[in-house]
Protein backbone atom coordinates (compact mmCIF):
# COMPACT_ATOMS: atom_id res chain seq x y z
CA GLN A 1 50.14 147.66 105.41
CA VAL A 2 50.19 149.68 108.62
CA GLN A 3 53.48 149.64 110.45
CA LEU A 4 55.00 151.38 113.44
CA VAL A 5 58.62 150.42 113.94
CA GLU A 6 60.50 151.52 117.03
CA SER A 7 64.28 151.67 117.13
CA GLY A 8 67.06 153.14 119.21
CA GLY A 9 66.76 151.02 122.31
CA GLY A 10 69.76 149.48 124.00
CA LEU A 11 71.82 149.11 127.14
CA VAL A 12 73.03 152.29 128.81
CA GLN A 13 74.38 153.27 132.19
CA SER A 14 72.50 155.31 134.74
CA GLY A 15 72.64 159.00 133.90
CA GLU A 16 73.14 158.51 130.19
CA ALA A 17 70.82 159.48 127.36
CA LEU A 18 69.07 157.63 124.56
CA THR A 19 66.74 158.63 121.75
CA LEU A 20 64.03 156.32 120.48
CA SER A 21 62.48 156.61 117.04
CA CYS A 22 59.14 155.41 115.76
CA ALA A 23 58.81 155.16 111.98
CA ALA A 24 55.29 154.98 110.60
CA SER A 25 53.97 153.75 107.28
CA GLY A 26 50.70 152.63 105.74
CA PHE A 27 48.53 155.39 107.20
CA THR A 28 48.35 159.18 107.33
CA PHE A 29 50.79 159.75 110.15
CA SER A 30 50.13 163.49 110.44
CA HIS A 31 46.48 162.84 111.34
CA TYR A 32 47.35 160.76 114.39
CA ALA A 33 48.38 161.73 117.89
CA ILE A 34 51.41 159.85 119.14
CA GLN A 35 52.08 158.30 122.51
CA TRP A 36 55.02 156.46 123.98
CA HIS A 37 54.26 153.73 126.50
CA ARG A 38 56.53 151.38 128.39
CA GLN A 39 56.21 148.07 130.16
CA ALA A 40 58.66 146.84 132.73
CA PRO A 41 58.85 143.15 133.69
CA GLY A 42 55.98 142.20 135.94
CA LYS A 43 54.31 145.58 135.60
CA GLU A 44 51.46 146.98 133.58
CA ARG A 45 52.08 149.05 130.48
CA GLU A 46 52.11 152.74 131.32
CA LEU A 47 51.82 155.94 129.35
CA VAL A 48 55.08 157.86 129.28
CA ALA A 49 54.47 160.76 126.91
CA GLY A 50 51.93 162.03 124.38
CA LEU A 51 51.89 164.54 121.54
CA SER A 52 49.15 165.91 119.31
CA SER A 53 48.94 165.20 115.59
CA ASN A 54 50.50 168.50 114.53
CA GLY A 55 53.02 168.66 117.35
CA ASN A 56 51.53 171.86 118.71
CA GLY A 57 49.83 172.29 122.01
CA ASN A 58 50.69 170.80 125.35
CA ASN A 59 52.74 167.67 125.51
CA LEU A 60 51.81 165.04 128.05
CA TYR A 61 54.36 163.42 130.35
CA ALA A 62 54.18 160.97 133.19
CA ASP A 63 55.38 162.49 136.44
CA SER A 64 58.21 159.99 136.60
CA VAL A 65 59.79 161.30 133.37
CA LYS A 66 58.98 165.02 133.45
CA GLY A 67 62.06 167.11 132.88
CA ARG A 68 64.03 164.11 131.58
CA PHE A 69 62.09 162.90 128.51
CA THR A 70 61.00 164.89 125.46
CA ILE A 71 58.53 163.69 122.86
CA SER A 72 58.62 165.11 119.34
CA ARG A 73 57.66 164.26 115.79
CA ASP A 74 58.60 165.05 112.23
CA ASN A 75 55.51 164.69 110.06
CA THR A 76 57.59 165.20 106.92
CA LYS A 77 59.42 161.98 107.77
CA ASN A 78 56.50 160.12 109.38
CA THR A 79 58.60 159.64 112.47
CA ALA A 80 58.17 160.28 116.18
CA PHE A 81 60.90 160.49 118.76
CA LEU A 82 61.42 160.09 122.47
CA GLN A 83 64.54 161.77 123.78
CA MET A 84 65.47 160.34 127.16
CA SER A 85 68.11 161.83 129.40
CA SER A 86 69.33 161.24 132.94
CA LEU A 87 68.17 157.66 132.61
CA LYS A 88 67.60 155.64 135.74
CA PRO A 89 67.48 151.88 136.33
CA GLU A 90 63.73 152.21 136.90
CA ASP A 91 63.37 153.40 133.29
CA THR A 92 64.25 149.88 132.18
CA ALA A 93 61.35 148.59 130.08
CA VAL A 94 60.13 147.78 126.61
CA TYR A 95 59.10 151.05 125.00
CA TYR A 96 56.20 151.15 122.55
CA CYS A 97 54.87 153.89 120.33
CA LYS A 98 51.18 154.20 119.65
CA ALA A 99 49.36 156.21 116.99
CA ILE A 100 45.82 157.28 117.82
CA MET A 101 43.01 158.96 115.93
CA GLY A 102 39.59 158.60 117.45
CA ARG A 103 38.89 154.89 117.79
CA SER A 104 41.71 153.95 115.46
CA ALA A 105 44.99 153.00 117.11
CA TYR A 106 48.16 151.29 116.03
CA TRP A 107 51.00 149.90 118.15
CA GLY A 108 54.60 149.21 117.36
CA GLN A 109 56.39 146.03 118.38
CA GLY A 110 58.49 147.74 121.04
CA THR A 111 62.16 148.34 121.70
CA GLN A 112 64.05 147.32 124.83
CA VAL A 113 65.72 149.93 126.99
CA THR A 114 67.92 148.69 129.79
CA VAL A 115 69.56 151.06 132.24
CA SER A 116 72.27 149.65 134.46
CA ALA A 117 73.08 151.12 137.85
């Protein structure tokens, strides 16, 4: 059974940091690129960050999070991470991880991040 389970979300104040985790099972995690997406209330889901299957190469970041968010992965633990710092109220959203390999893609159920002013 394929699963992607996000964790680490919560309520923080503006300027604080939070690290999200995405635990994978049921597929060969190391073969898949990983992306983090987020969806704020009333808005479309947007790509936040992306990372290749082996963690090498250029990471992808949305302009709105560059310099504040860092995506990483540990293929030995089948887990991906999103380190978020200097959080802003506009970062408030449900954060989802996505595993992609060609036409195959899996989504997690999401974790809520709320940043208070």
